Amino acid sequence: MKRAYLAVIGLLAVFALVLGCAKGYESEKTVDGLKVRLSVDRYPLVKSDNTLQVKVVDAAGAPMTNAKIKVRYFMPPMPGMAPMDFEAEAMLKGGVYVITANIPMEGGWKVEVTVVRPGKASATAAFNLDAR
């Protein structure tokens, strides 16, 4: 009986660990009157393809679907290491801008989301993410 109880406890601990690692991530920044929300489906990011979603809302609370969204993700420079700096234009899918970011290495990454609006100055929001 005691062994069965310990086995169940062990399985629950493993299940909780797996669920805890599979959580997504979401953060919102306000820049130039825009709310820029970055979300990922699993966090920390993995060394591979990761889906990043960006939602932009204007000052009136309306989603922006007529902007260009440029996403730059990079690892801050480190001595003796080649720069890792990537940029992509996000594609609009169902009211959300989406890119696939291929993360080649574990560690701390910075993500800059630049919103290019017709007839207005661009606005950039910065986020910090981890990859494992």
N, C-alpha and C. Protein backbone atom coordinates (compact mmCIF):
# COMPACT_ATOMS: atom_id res chain seq x y z
N MET A 1 0.82 -1.20 0.00
CA MET A 1 0.00 0.00 0.00
C MET A 1 0.86 1.27 0.00
N LYS A 2 1.91 1.22 0.82
CA LYS A 2 2.79 2.39 0.92
C LYS A 2 3.50 2.64 -0.40
N ARG A 3 3.93 1.56 -1.08
CA ARG A 3 4.60 1.70 -2.38
C ARG A 3 3.66 2.30 -3.42
N ALA A 4 2.42 1.87 -3.44
CA ALA A 4 1.44 2.41 -4.39
C ALA A 4 1.22 3.90 -4.13
N TYR A 5 1.16 4.24 -2.87
CA TYR A 5 0.98 5.65 -2.50
C TYR A 5 2.17 6.48 -2.98
N LEU A 6 3.39 5.99 -2.76
CA LEU A 6 4.59 6.70 -3.21
C LEU A 6 4.65 6.78 -4.73
N ALA A 7 4.22 5.73 -5.42
CA ALA A 7 4.21 5.74 -6.88
C ALA A 7 3.25 6.81 -7.40
N VAL A 8 2.08 6.91 -6.79
CA VAL A 8 1.10 7.92 -7.19
C VAL A 8 1.66 9.32 -6.94
N ILE A 9 2.28 9.53 -5.80
CA ILE A 9 2.88 10.82 -5.47
C ILE A 9 3.96 11.17 -6.50
N GLY A 10 4.78 10.18 -6.84
CA GLY A 10 5.83 10.39 -7.84
C GLY A 10 5.27 10.77 -9.20
N LEU A 11 4.23 10.07 -9.63
CA LEU A 11 3.60 10.38 -10.91
C LEU A 11 2.98 11.78 -10.91
N LEU A 12 2.35 12.15 -9.82
CA LEU A 12 1.78 13.50 -9.72
C LEU A 12 2.87 14.57 -9.77
N ALA A 13 4.01 14.30 -9.15
CA ALA A 13 5.12 15.26 -9.18
C ALA A 13 5.64 15.43 -10.60
N VAL A 14 5.81 14.32 -11.32
CA VAL A 14 6.28 14.39 -12.70
C VAL A 14 5.26 15.13 -13.56
N PHE A 15 3.99 14.82 -13.39
CA PHE A 15 2.92 15.48 -14.15
C PHE A 15 2.94 16.99 -13.89
N ALA A 16 3.09 17.41 -12.64
CA ALA A 16 3.13 18.84 -12.29
C ALA A 16 4.35 19.50 -12.91
N LEU A 17 5.48 18.81 -12.92
CA LEU A 17 6.70 19.37 -13.52
C LEU A 17 6.52 19.56 -15.02
N VAL A 18 5.95 18.58 -15.70
CA VAL A 18 5.71 18.69 -17.14
C VAL A 18 4.76 19.83 -17.44
N LEU A 19 3.68 19.93 -16.70
CA LEU A 19 2.73 21.03 -16.93
C LEU A 19 3.36 22.38 -16.63
N GLY A 20 4.18 22.45 -15.60
CA GLY A 20 4.83 23.70 -15.25
C GLY A 20 5.79 24.17 -16.33
N CYS A 21 6.45 23.25 -17.00
CA CYS A 21 7.40 23.61 -18.05
C CYS A 21 6.69 23.95 -19.36
N ALA A 22 5.47 23.54 -19.52
CA ALA A 22 4.77 23.74 -20.78
C ALA A 22 3.94 25.01 -20.80
N LYS A 23 4.03 25.80 -19.75
CA LYS A 23 3.26 27.04 -19.69
C LYS A 23 3.68 28.00 -20.78
N GLY A 24 2.77 28.83 -21.16
CA GLY A 24 3.09 29.88 -22.11
C GLY A 24 3.61 31.11 -21.38
N TYR A 25 3.82 32.15 -22.16
CA TYR A 25 4.34 33.40 -21.63
C TYR A 25 3.57 34.53 -22.30
N GLU A 26 3.29 35.57 -21.53
CA GLU A 26 2.63 36.74 -22.11
C GLU A 26 3.10 37.97 -21.35
N SER A 27 3.43 39.02 -22.09
CA SER A 27 3.84 40.28 -21.48
C SER A 27 3.34 41.41 -22.37
N GLU A 28 2.99 42.51 -21.72
CA GLU A 28 2.46 43.66 -22.46
C GLU A 28 3.24 44.91 -22.09
N LYS A 29 3.59 45.69 -23.10
CA LYS A 29 4.28 46.96 -22.91
C LYS A 29 3.47 48.05 -23.60
N THR A 30 3.50 49.24 -23.02
CA THR A 30 2.85 50.40 -23.65
C THR A 30 3.94 51.31 -24.19
N VAL A 31 3.83 51.65 -25.47
CA VAL A 31 4.81 52.51 -26.12
C VAL A 31 4.08 53.40 -27.13
N ASP A 32 4.30 54.69 -27.04
CA ASP A 32 3.69 55.68 -27.94
C ASP A 32 2.17 55.50 -28.06
N GLY A 33 1.51 55.24 -26.95
CA GLY A 33 0.06 55.11 -26.94
C GLY A 33 -0.47 53.77 -27.44
N LEU A 34 0.42 52.86 -27.77
CA LEU A 34 0.03 51.53 -28.24
C LEU A 34 0.31 50.50 -27.15
N LYS A 35 -0.55 49.50 -27.05
CA LYS A 35 -0.28 48.36 -26.18
C LYS A 35 0.21 47.24 -27.08
N VAL A 36 1.42 46.79 -26.80
CA VAL A 36 2.04 45.72 -27.57
C VAL A 36 2.14 44.50 -26.67
N ARG A 37 1.44 43.42 -27.04
CA ARG A 37 1.43 42.20 -26.23
C ARG A 37 2.18 41.10 -26.99
N LEU A 38 3.20 40.55 -26.33
CA LEU A 38 3.95 39.44 -26.89
C LEU A 38 3.57 38.18 -26.12
N SER A 39 3.26 37.12 -26.85
CA SER A 39 2.96 35.85 -26.20
C SER A 39 3.62 34.71 -26.97
N VAL A 40 3.98 33.67 -26.21
CA VAL A 40 4.53 32.45 -26.79
C VAL A 40 3.77 31.27 -26.20
N ASP A 41 3.67 30.21 -26.96
CA ASP A 41 2.86 29.07 -26.51
C ASP A 41 3.55 28.23 -25.44
N ARG A 42 4.87 28.22 -25.40
CA ARG A 42 5.58 27.47 -24.37
C ARG A 42 6.76 28.31 -23.88
N TYR A 43 6.99 28.23 -22.58
CA TYR A 43 8.05 29.03 -21.99
C TYR A 43 8.68 28.28 -20.85
N PRO A 44 9.98 28.26 -20.75
CA PRO A 44 10.94 28.99 -21.56
C PRO A 44 10.94 28.49 -23.00
N LEU A 45 11.50 29.33 -23.88
CA LEU A 45 11.61 28.95 -25.28
C LEU A 45 12.49 27.70 -25.39
N VAL A 46 12.39 27.01 -26.50
CA VAL A 46 13.21 25.83 -26.73
C VAL A 46 14.22 26.10 -27.83
N LYS A 47 15.29 25.31 -27.84
CA LYS A 47 16.26 25.41 -28.93
C LYS A 47 15.64 24.76 -30.16
N SER A 48 14.96 25.55 -30.94
CA SER A 48 14.25 25.06 -32.12
C SER A 48 13.27 26.16 -32.52
N ASP A 49 12.24 25.77 -33.26
CA ASP A 49 11.22 26.73 -33.67
C ASP A 49 10.28 27.06 -32.51
N ASN A 50 9.99 28.34 -32.34
CA ASN A 50 9.07 28.85 -31.33
C ASN A 50 8.12 29.82 -32.01
N THR A 51 6.84 29.72 -31.70
CA THR A 51 5.86 30.63 -32.28
C THR A 51 5.68 31.83 -31.36
N LEU A 52 5.94 33.02 -31.90
CA LEU A 52 5.74 34.27 -31.17
C LEU A 52 4.54 34.97 -31.78
N GLN A 53 3.65 35.44 -30.92
CA GLN A 53 2.46 36.16 -31.38
C GLN A 53 2.49 37.57 -30.81
N VAL A 54 2.13 38.53 -31.65
CA VAL A 54 2.11 39.93 -31.23
C VAL A 54 0.73 40.50 -31.51
N LYS A 55 0.14 41.10 -30.49
CA LYS A 55 -1.13 41.80 -30.67
C LYS A 55 -0.89 43.26 -30.32
N VAL A 56 -1.35 44.14 -31.20
CA VAL A 56 -1.17 45.58 -30.99
C VAL A 56 -2.54 46.22 -30.92
N VAL A 57 -2.74 47.03 -29.86
CA VAL A 57 -4.01 47.72 -29.64
C VAL A 57 -3.72 49.22 -29.57
N ASP A 58 -4.51 50.02 -30.26
CA ASP A 58 -4.29 51.46 -30.24
C ASP A 58 -4.86 52.10 -28.98
N ALA A 59 -4.70 53.41 -28.85
CA ALA A 59 -5.13 54.13 -27.65
C ALA A 59 -6.63 54.02 -27.40
N ALA A 60 -7.41 53.82 -28.46
CA ALA A 60 -8.86 53.68 -28.32
C ALA A 60 -9.28 52.25 -27.96
N GLY A 61 -8.30 51.34 -27.91
CA GLY A 61 -8.60 49.95 -27.57
C GLY A 61 -8.90 49.07 -28.77
N ALA A 62 -8.73 49.61 -29.97
CA ALA A 62 -9.01 48.84 -31.18
C ALA A 62 -7.75 48.10 -31.64
N PRO A 63 -7.89 46.82 -32.01
CA PRO A 63 -6.73 46.08 -32.52
C PRO A 63 -6.22 46.70 -33.82
N MET A 64 -4.91 46.82 -33.93
CA MET A 64 -4.30 47.34 -35.16
C MET A 64 -4.03 46.19 -36.11
N THR A 65 -4.60 46.29 -37.30
CA THR A 65 -4.36 45.25 -38.30
C THR A 65 -3.79 45.83 -39.58
N ASN A 66 -3.47 47.13 -39.56
CA ASN A 66 -2.94 47.77 -40.76
C ASN A 66 -1.49 48.20 -40.58
N ALA A 67 -0.80 47.64 -39.61
CA ALA A 67 0.59 47.99 -39.36
C ALA A 67 1.51 46.89 -39.87
N LYS A 68 2.78 47.24 -40.04
CA LYS A 68 3.81 46.24 -40.29
C LYS A 68 4.47 45.97 -38.95
N ILE A 69 4.65 44.73 -38.63
CA ILE A 69 5.27 44.35 -37.36
C ILE A 69 6.60 43.67 -37.68
N LYS A 70 7.68 44.30 -37.23
CA LYS A 70 9.01 43.72 -37.39
C LYS A 70 9.47 43.20 -36.04
N VAL A 71 9.96 41.98 -36.03
CA VAL A 71 10.42 41.36 -34.79
C VAL A 71 11.90 41.04 -34.93
N ARG A 72 12.67 41.58 -34.01
CA ARG A 72 14.11 41.30 -33.94
C ARG A 72 14.35 40.53 -32.65
N TYR A 73 14.98 39.37 -32.76
CA TYR A 73 15.33 38.63 -31.56
C TYR A 73 16.82 38.34 -31.61
N PHE A 74 17.46 38.57 -30.47
CA PHE A 74 18.91 38.46 -30.44
C PHE A 74 19.39 38.11 -29.04
N MET A 75 20.58 37.53 -29.01
CA MET A 75 21.24 37.27 -27.74
C MET A 75 22.24 38.40 -27.56
N PRO A 76 22.22 39.06 -26.41
CA PRO A 76 23.19 40.14 -26.20
C PRO A 76 24.62 39.64 -26.43
N PRO A 77 25.48 40.50 -26.97
CA PRO A 77 26.86 40.09 -27.29
C PRO A 77 27.62 39.59 -26.07
N MET A 78 28.44 38.55 -26.33
CA MET A 78 29.30 38.00 -25.30
C MET A 78 30.70 37.85 -25.87
N PRO A 79 31.72 38.06 -25.05
CA PRO A 79 33.10 37.95 -25.55
C PRO A 79 33.36 36.56 -26.15
N GLY A 80 34.03 36.55 -27.29
CA GLY A 80 34.42 35.29 -27.92
C GLY A 80 33.30 34.54 -28.61
N MET A 81 32.15 35.19 -28.78
CA MET A 81 31.02 34.51 -29.39
C MET A 81 30.50 35.32 -30.58
N ALA A 82 30.18 34.63 -31.65
CA ALA A 82 29.62 35.31 -32.82
C ALA A 82 28.26 35.90 -32.47
N PRO A 83 27.92 37.05 -33.05
CA PRO A 83 26.61 37.65 -32.76
C PRO A 83 25.47 36.76 -33.26
N MET A 84 24.42 36.71 -32.47
CA MET A 84 23.20 36.00 -32.86
C MET A 84 22.09 37.03 -32.90
N ASP A 85 21.71 37.43 -34.09
CA ASP A 85 20.77 38.52 -34.28
C ASP A 85 19.91 38.19 -35.49
N PHE A 86 18.60 38.10 -35.28
CA PHE A 86 17.68 37.69 -36.35
C PHE A 86 16.53 38.68 -36.43
N GLU A 87 16.00 38.86 -37.63
CA GLU A 87 14.87 39.76 -37.82
C GLU A 87 13.89 39.15 -38.80
N ALA A 88 12.60 39.36 -38.54
CA ALA A 88 11.56 38.84 -39.42
C ALA A 88 10.36 39.77 -39.37
N GLU A 89 9.60 39.78 -40.44
CA GLU A 89 8.34 40.53 -40.45
C GLU A 89 7.23 39.55 -40.11
N ALA A 90 6.43 39.91 -39.11
CA ALA A 90 5.34 39.04 -38.67
C ALA A 90 4.18 39.11 -39.67
N MET A 91 3.51 37.99 -39.80
CA MET A 91 2.36 37.90 -40.70
C MET A 91 1.07 37.96 -39.88
N LEU A 92 0.08 38.69 -40.40
CA LEU A 92 -1.20 38.82 -39.71
C LEU A 92 -2.03 37.55 -39.93
N LYS A 93 -2.45 36.94 -38.82
CA LYS A 93 -3.28 35.73 -38.86
C LYS A 93 -4.36 35.87 -37.80
N GLY A 94 -5.58 36.10 -38.22
CA GLY A 94 -6.70 36.17 -37.28
C GLY A 94 -6.59 37.30 -36.27
N GLY A 95 -6.11 38.45 -36.68
CA GLY A 95 -6.03 39.60 -35.77
C GLY A 95 -4.77 39.65 -34.92
N VAL A 96 -3.89 38.64 -35.09
CA VAL A 96 -2.64 38.57 -34.34
C VAL A 96 -1.49 38.41 -35.33
N TYR A 97 -0.38 39.09 -35.07
CA TYR A 97 0.80 38.96 -35.91
C TYR A 97 1.65 37.80 -35.39
N VAL A 98 2.13 36.96 -36.30
CA VAL A 98 2.81 35.72 -35.91
C VAL A 98 4.14 35.58 -36.65
N ILE A 99 5.16 35.13 -35.91
CA ILE A 99 6.41 34.70 -36.55
C ILE A 99 6.85 33.39 -35.89
N THR A 100 7.69 32.68 -36.61
CA THR A 100 8.36 31.52 -36.04
C THR A 100 9.81 31.92 -35.84
N ALA A 101 10.25 31.88 -34.59
CA ALA A 101 11.62 32.24 -34.24
C ALA A 101 12.40 30.96 -33.96
N ASN A 102 13.45 30.73 -34.75
CA ASN A 102 14.30 29.57 -34.52
C ASN A 102 15.41 29.99 -33.57
N ILE A 103 15.34 29.50 -32.35
CA ILE A 103 16.31 29.85 -31.32
C ILE A 103 17.43 28.80 -31.34
N PRO A 104 18.68 29.22 -31.66
CA PRO A 104 19.75 28.24 -31.79
C PRO A 104 20.49 27.89 -30.51
N MET A 105 20.23 28.64 -29.42
CA MET A 105 21.04 28.44 -28.23
C MET A 105 20.27 28.77 -26.96
N GLU A 106 20.57 28.04 -25.90
CA GLU A 106 19.98 28.33 -24.59
C GLU A 106 20.54 29.64 -24.05
N GLY A 107 19.76 30.29 -23.20
CA GLY A 107 20.24 31.51 -22.55
C GLY A 107 19.21 32.62 -22.63
N GLY A 108 19.65 33.81 -22.27
CA GLY A 108 18.79 34.98 -22.29
C GLY A 108 18.72 35.61 -23.68
N TRP A 109 17.52 35.90 -24.13
CA TRP A 109 17.28 36.51 -25.44
C TRP A 109 16.48 37.79 -25.25
N LYS A 110 16.71 38.73 -26.13
CA LYS A 110 15.93 39.96 -26.15
C LYS A 110 15.08 39.94 -27.42
N VAL A 111 13.85 40.42 -27.29
CA VAL A 111 12.95 40.51 -28.44
C VAL A 111 12.48 41.95 -28.54
N GLU A 112 12.69 42.55 -29.72
CA GLU A 112 12.22 43.91 -29.98
C GLU A 112 11.11 43.84 -31.02
N VAL A 113 9.96 44.36 -30.67
CA VAL A 113 8.82 44.39 -31.58
C VAL A 113 8.65 45.83 -32.05
N THR A 114 8.80 46.06 -33.34
CA THR A 114 8.66 47.39 -33.90
C THR A 114 7.37 47.46 -34.70
N VAL A 115 6.52 48.43 -34.35
CA VAL A 115 5.25 48.65 -35.03
C VAL A 115 5.44 49.81 -35.99
N VAL A 116 5.28 49.54 -37.28
CA VAL A 116 5.41 50.57 -38.30
C VAL A 116 4.00 50.92 -38.75
N ARG A 117 3.57 52.15 -38.42
CA ARG A 117 2.21 52.59 -38.73
C ARG A 117 2.22 53.54 -39.92
N PRO A 118 1.21 53.47 -40.76
CA PRO A 118 1.13 54.39 -41.89
C PRO A 118 1.02 55.84 -41.40
N GLY A 119 1.92 56.68 -41.89
CA GLY A 119 1.85 58.11 -41.57
C GLY A 119 2.30 58.50 -40.18
N LYS A 120 2.86 57.57 -39.41
CA LYS A 120 3.30 57.87 -38.04
C LYS A 120 4.69 57.28 -37.80
N ALA A 121 5.32 57.77 -36.77
CA ALA A 121 6.63 57.22 -36.40
C ALA A 121 6.47 55.80 -35.90
N SER A 122 7.50 55.00 -36.11
CA SER A 122 7.45 53.63 -35.61
C SER A 122 7.64 53.61 -34.10
N ALA A 123 7.15 52.55 -33.47
CA ALA A 123 7.25 52.39 -32.02
C ALA A 123 7.83 51.01 -31.74
N THR A 124 8.77 50.94 -30.78
CA THR A 124 9.42 49.68 -30.47
C THR A 124 9.26 49.33 -29.00
N ALA A 125 8.83 48.10 -28.75
CA ALA A 125 8.71 47.56 -27.39
C ALA A 125 9.72 46.44 -27.24
N ALA A 126 10.40 46.39 -26.08
CA ALA A 126 11.45 45.38 -25.84
C ALA A 126 11.01 44.40 -24.76
N PHE A 127 11.33 43.13 -24.96
CA PHE A 127 10.98 42.06 -24.04
C PHE A 127 12.21 41.18 -23.78
N ASN A 128 12.29 40.58 -22.61
CA ASN A 128 13.36 39.64 -22.28
C ASN A 128 12.77 38.24 -22.15
N LEU A 129 13.38 37.27 -22.84
CA LEU A 129 12.92 35.88 -22.79
C LEU A 129 14.10 34.97 -22.52
N ASP A 130 13.82 33.78 -22.01
CA ASP A 130 14.83 32.77 -21.76
C ASP A 130 14.57 31.56 -22.65
N ALA A 131 15.65 30.89 -23.02
CA ALA A 131 15.55 29.64 -23.79
C ALA A 131 16.30 28.55 -23.05
N ARG A 132 15.74 27.34 -23.08
CA ARG A 132 16.40 26.18 -22.41
C ARG A 132 16.34 24.97 -23.29
